[in-house]
């Protein structure tokens, strides 16, 4: 009896200790999660929309064209920022690929990365694979490699890791709105439903 009571007290104490160190608590609704407390954003007085994605993720490959179309329909007071996720070291090269394209002003190649991986079955899993692919797209090999290894790209990758932790992202794709809400295909019930839910959250914050 005493052993059972002790076990229960120990379990309760462990739960309280874990909760004390949790940076964000999550409140699950029917089709999105609410963060408490809300996260600070980098969009000033605009509503920040974060798309957490991974090039290797087949679900991100499906959702990406929908996100691109939606981004052109966002109100003027909302801004979309893509956040490449690296859950492990093996995903780091593709995370740096995104920020390298951004640094070079070549995000027009962003959808082509998805096509290369999911349609053409190219293994863009190492720096060398990625540099070779970039050169095939007409990019200067030396400039690409220099940007890939730059402090700026490394800093943005570290910031992406921090955002992934702060928003408690456990899977991709996920869309965060205004530092307060997170939705995904699994929560919203589908790809198009994800866009619908995210759009509704943007409008909610805008008071529409």
Protein backbone atom coordinates (compact mmCIF):
# COMPACT_ATOMS: atom_id res chain seq x y z
CA UNK A 1 0.00 0.00 0.00
CA UNK A 2 2.75 2.43 1.05
CA UNK A 3 4.79 1.45 -2.01
CA UNK A 4 1.84 2.19 -4.31
CA UNK A 5 1.26 5.56 -2.63
CA UNK A 6 4.96 6.40 -2.93
CA UNK A 7 4.94 5.48 -6.62
CA UNK A 8 1.96 7.75 -7.25
CA UNK A 9 3.57 10.64 -5.36
CA UNK A 10 6.82 10.16 -7.26
CA UNK A 11 4.98 10.13 -10.60
CA UNK A 12 3.10 13.29 -9.66
CA UNK A 13 6.30 15.04 -8.59
CA UNK A 14 7.98 14.08 -11.88
CA UNK A 15 5.04 15.49 -13.84
CA UNK A 16 5.16 18.80 -11.96
CA UNK A 17 8.92 19.07 -12.45
CA UNK A 18 8.59 18.42 -16.19
CA UNK A 19 5.83 20.99 -16.50
CA UNK A 20 7.94 23.59 -14.71
CA UNK A 21 10.67 23.32 -17.33
CA UNK A 22 8.37 23.14 -20.38
CA UNK A 23 8.79 26.39 -22.36
CA UNK A 24 5.36 26.21 -23.99
CA UNK A 25 2.15 24.40 -23.14
CA UNK A 26 -0.12 23.21 -25.92
CA UNK A 27 -3.90 23.40 -25.94
CA UNK A 28 -5.37 21.09 -28.59
CA UNK A 29 -8.55 22.20 -30.32
CA UNK A 30 -10.36 20.42 -33.11
CA UNK A 31 -8.00 21.44 -35.91
CA UNK A 32 -5.14 23.49 -34.47
CA UNK A 33 -2.99 23.89 -31.37
CA UNK A 34 -2.82 27.05 -29.29
CA UNK A 35 0.52 27.98 -27.73
CA UNK A 36 0.65 29.26 -24.17
CA UNK A 37 2.42 31.58 -23.79
CA UNK A 38 2.46 32.91 -27.37
CA UNK A 39 5.83 33.13 -29.09
CA UNK A 40 7.41 36.44 -30.03
CA UNK A 41 7.57 37.06 -33.77
CA UNK A 42 9.92 38.88 -36.15
CA UNK A 43 7.24 40.48 -38.32
CA UNK A 44 6.71 43.72 -36.41
CA UNK A 45 3.08 44.80 -36.58
CA UNK A 46 2.27 42.17 -39.21
CA UNK A 47 0.89 38.69 -38.62
CA UNK A 48 3.75 36.24 -39.04
CA UNK A 49 2.99 32.95 -40.77
CA UNK A 50 5.68 30.29 -40.46
CA UNK A 51 5.75 27.27 -42.72
CA UNK A 52 7.82 24.53 -41.10
CA UNK A 53 8.89 22.15 -43.85
CA UNK A 54 11.54 19.65 -44.93
CA UNK A 55 12.54 19.04 -48.51
CA UNK A 56 12.63 15.29 -47.88
CA UNK A 57 9.06 15.24 -46.55
CA UNK A 58 6.55 13.89 -49.11
CA UNK A 59 3.68 15.69 -47.35
CA UNK A 60 5.57 18.99 -47.66
CA UNK A 61 5.98 18.26 -51.35
CA UNK A 62 2.19 18.04 -51.70
CA UNK A 63 1.42 21.08 -49.55
CA UNK A 64 4.09 23.43 -50.93
CA UNK A 65 2.24 24.47 -54.14
CA UNK A 66 -0.85 25.20 -52.05
CA UNK A 67 1.19 27.31 -49.64
CA UNK A 68 2.70 29.22 -52.56
CA UNK A 69 -0.73 30.00 -54.01
CA UNK A 70 -2.07 30.96 -50.59
CA UNK A 71 0.90 33.22 -49.87
CA UNK A 72 -0.12 35.42 -52.81
CA UNK A 73 -3.60 35.80 -51.33
CA UNK A 74 -2.54 36.75 -47.80
CA UNK A 75 -3.67 40.17 -46.57
CA UNK A 76 -1.17 43.00 -46.63
CA UNK A 77 -0.71 42.77 -42.86
CA UNK A 78 0.47 39.13 -42.98
CA UNK A 79 3.88 37.82 -44.03
CA UNK A 80 4.94 34.23 -44.80
CA UNK A 81 8.34 32.93 -43.71
CA UNK A 82 9.51 29.44 -44.57
CA UNK A 83 11.41 27.53 -41.89
CA UNK A 84 13.36 24.47 -43.06
CA UNK A 85 13.38 21.89 -40.27
CA UNK A 86 16.29 19.64 -39.35
CA UNK A 87 15.17 17.08 -36.78
CA UNK A 88 18.58 15.41 -36.99
CA UNK A 89 22.07 15.90 -38.44
CA UNK A 90 21.13 14.08 -41.65
CA UNK A 91 18.60 16.81 -42.47
CA UNK A 92 21.07 19.68 -41.99
CA UNK A 93 22.39 19.77 -45.59
CA UNK A 94 18.91 20.38 -47.04
CA UNK A 95 18.20 22.97 -44.36
CA UNK A 96 21.34 24.85 -45.44
CA UNK A 97 20.34 24.41 -49.08
CA UNK A 98 17.22 26.52 -48.53
CA UNK A 99 19.09 29.33 -46.82
CA UNK A 100 21.82 29.22 -49.46
CA UNK A 101 19.24 29.73 -52.21
CA UNK A 102 17.78 32.58 -50.16
CA UNK A 103 21.22 34.18 -49.70
CA UNK A 104 21.88 34.00 -53.44
CA UNK A 105 18.46 35.42 -54.33
CA UNK A 106 17.50 32.18 -56.07
CA UNK A 107 14.42 31.01 -54.21
CA UNK A 108 12.87 30.54 -57.63
CA UNK A 109 14.65 27.17 -57.39
CA UNK A 110 12.81 26.26 -54.18
CA UNK A 111 10.08 24.21 -55.92
CA UNK A 112 12.72 22.61 -58.13
CA UNK A 113 14.38 21.15 -55.06
CA UNK A 114 11.15 19.33 -54.22
CA UNK A 115 10.89 18.12 -57.82
CA UNK A 116 14.49 16.91 -57.84
CA UNK A 117 13.95 14.84 -54.70
CA UNK A 118 10.40 13.55 -55.15
CA UNK A 119 10.06 13.38 -58.93
CA UNK A 120 13.58 12.88 -60.23
CA UNK A 121 14.64 10.82 -57.19
CA UNK A 122 17.91 12.70 -56.73
CA UNK A 123 19.66 12.06 -53.42
CA UNK A 124 20.37 15.58 -52.22
CA UNK A 125 21.59 14.36 -48.85
CA UNK A 126 25.18 15.62 -48.70
CA UNK A 127 26.87 18.92 -49.35
CA UNK A 128 28.57 17.48 -52.45
CA UNK A 129 25.25 16.18 -53.87
CA UNK A 130 23.71 19.59 -53.30
CA UNK A 131 26.60 21.59 -54.80
CA UNK A 132 26.56 19.37 -57.88
CA UNK A 133 22.81 19.85 -58.26
CA UNK A 134 23.13 23.62 -57.86
CA UNK A 135 25.79 23.71 -60.55
CA UNK A 136 23.45 21.75 -62.84
CA UNK A 137 20.90 24.54 -62.32
CA UNK A 138 23.38 27.05 -63.67
CA UNK A 139 24.59 28.43 -60.34
CA UNK A 140 28.26 29.28 -59.93
CA UNK A 141 29.76 26.36 -57.99
CA UNK A 142 32.26 28.44 -56.01
CA UNK A 143 29.74 31.14 -55.07
CA UNK A 144 27.17 28.55 -54.03
CA UNK A 145 29.66 26.67 -51.88
CA UNK A 146 30.87 29.90 -50.28
CA UNK A 147 27.31 30.90 -49.39
CA UNK A 148 26.51 27.38 -48.17
CA UNK A 149 29.41 27.53 -45.70
CA UNK A 150 28.82 31.16 -44.70
CA UNK A 151 28.16 32.48 -41.22
CA UNK A 152 24.87 33.99 -42.41
CA UNK A 153 23.49 30.66 -43.59
CA UNK A 154 24.73 28.92 -40.44
CA UNK A 155 23.06 31.57 -38.25
CA UNK A 156 19.73 31.23 -40.04
CA UNK A 157 19.88 27.43 -39.70
CA UNK A 158 20.46 27.83 -35.96
CA UNK A 159 17.50 30.22 -35.76
CA UNK A 160 15.36 27.66 -37.61
CA UNK A 161 16.35 25.03 -35.03
CA UNK A 162 15.38 27.41 -32.25
CA UNK A 163 11.99 28.12 -33.81
CA UNK A 164 11.37 24.40 -34.26
CA UNK A 165 12.00 23.88 -30.55
CA UNK A 166 10.05 26.93 -29.40
CA UNK A 167 6.98 25.97 -31.42
CA UNK A 168 7.29 22.32 -30.34
CA UNK A 169 7.23 21.15 -33.97
CA UNK A 170 7.25 17.35 -34.07
CA UNK A 171 6.34 16.81 -37.71
CA UNK A 172 6.25 18.54 -41.09
CA UNK A 173 4.54 20.29 -42.69
CA UNK A 174 3.23 22.56 -39.93
CA UNK A 175 2.00 26.13 -40.18
CA UNK A 176 2.23 28.58 -37.28
CA UNK A 177 0.20 31.79 -37.24
CA UNK A 178 0.96 34.90 -35.23
CA UNK A 179 3.11 33.09 -32.70
CA UNK A 180 -0.09 31.70 -31.20
CA UNK A 181 -1.45 28.85 -33.30
CA UNK A 182 -0.07 25.78 -35.09
CA UNK A 183 -1.90 23.56 -37.55
CA UNK A 184 -0.94 20.72 -39.87
CA UNK A 185 -2.55 18.17 -42.20
CA UNK A 186 -2.89 15.68 -39.34
CA UNK A 187 -4.63 18.26 -37.15
CA UNK A 188 -6.71 19.97 -39.83
CA UNK A 189 -7.72 16.75 -41.56
CA UNK A 190 -5.98 17.19 -44.91
CA UNK A 191 -3.77 19.39 -47.07
CA UNK A 192 -6.36 21.86 -48.31
CA UNK A 193 -7.96 21.87 -44.89
CA UNK A 194 -4.61 22.99 -43.45
CA UNK A 195 -4.62 26.06 -45.68
CA UNK A 196 -8.27 26.75 -44.81
CA UNK A 197 -7.58 26.53 -41.07
CA UNK A 198 -4.42 28.64 -41.31
CA UNK A 199 -6.23 31.25 -43.37
CA UNK A 200 -9.00 31.40 -40.78
CA UNK A 201 -6.43 31.91 -38.03
CA UNK A 202 -4.82 34.77 -39.97
CA UNK A 203 -8.24 36.40 -40.30
CA UNK A 204 -8.98 35.77 -36.63
CA UNK A 205 -5.86 37.71 -35.61
CA UNK A 206 -6.72 40.46 -38.07
CA UNK A 207 -10.15 40.77 -36.46
CA UNK A 208 -11.95 39.99 -39.71
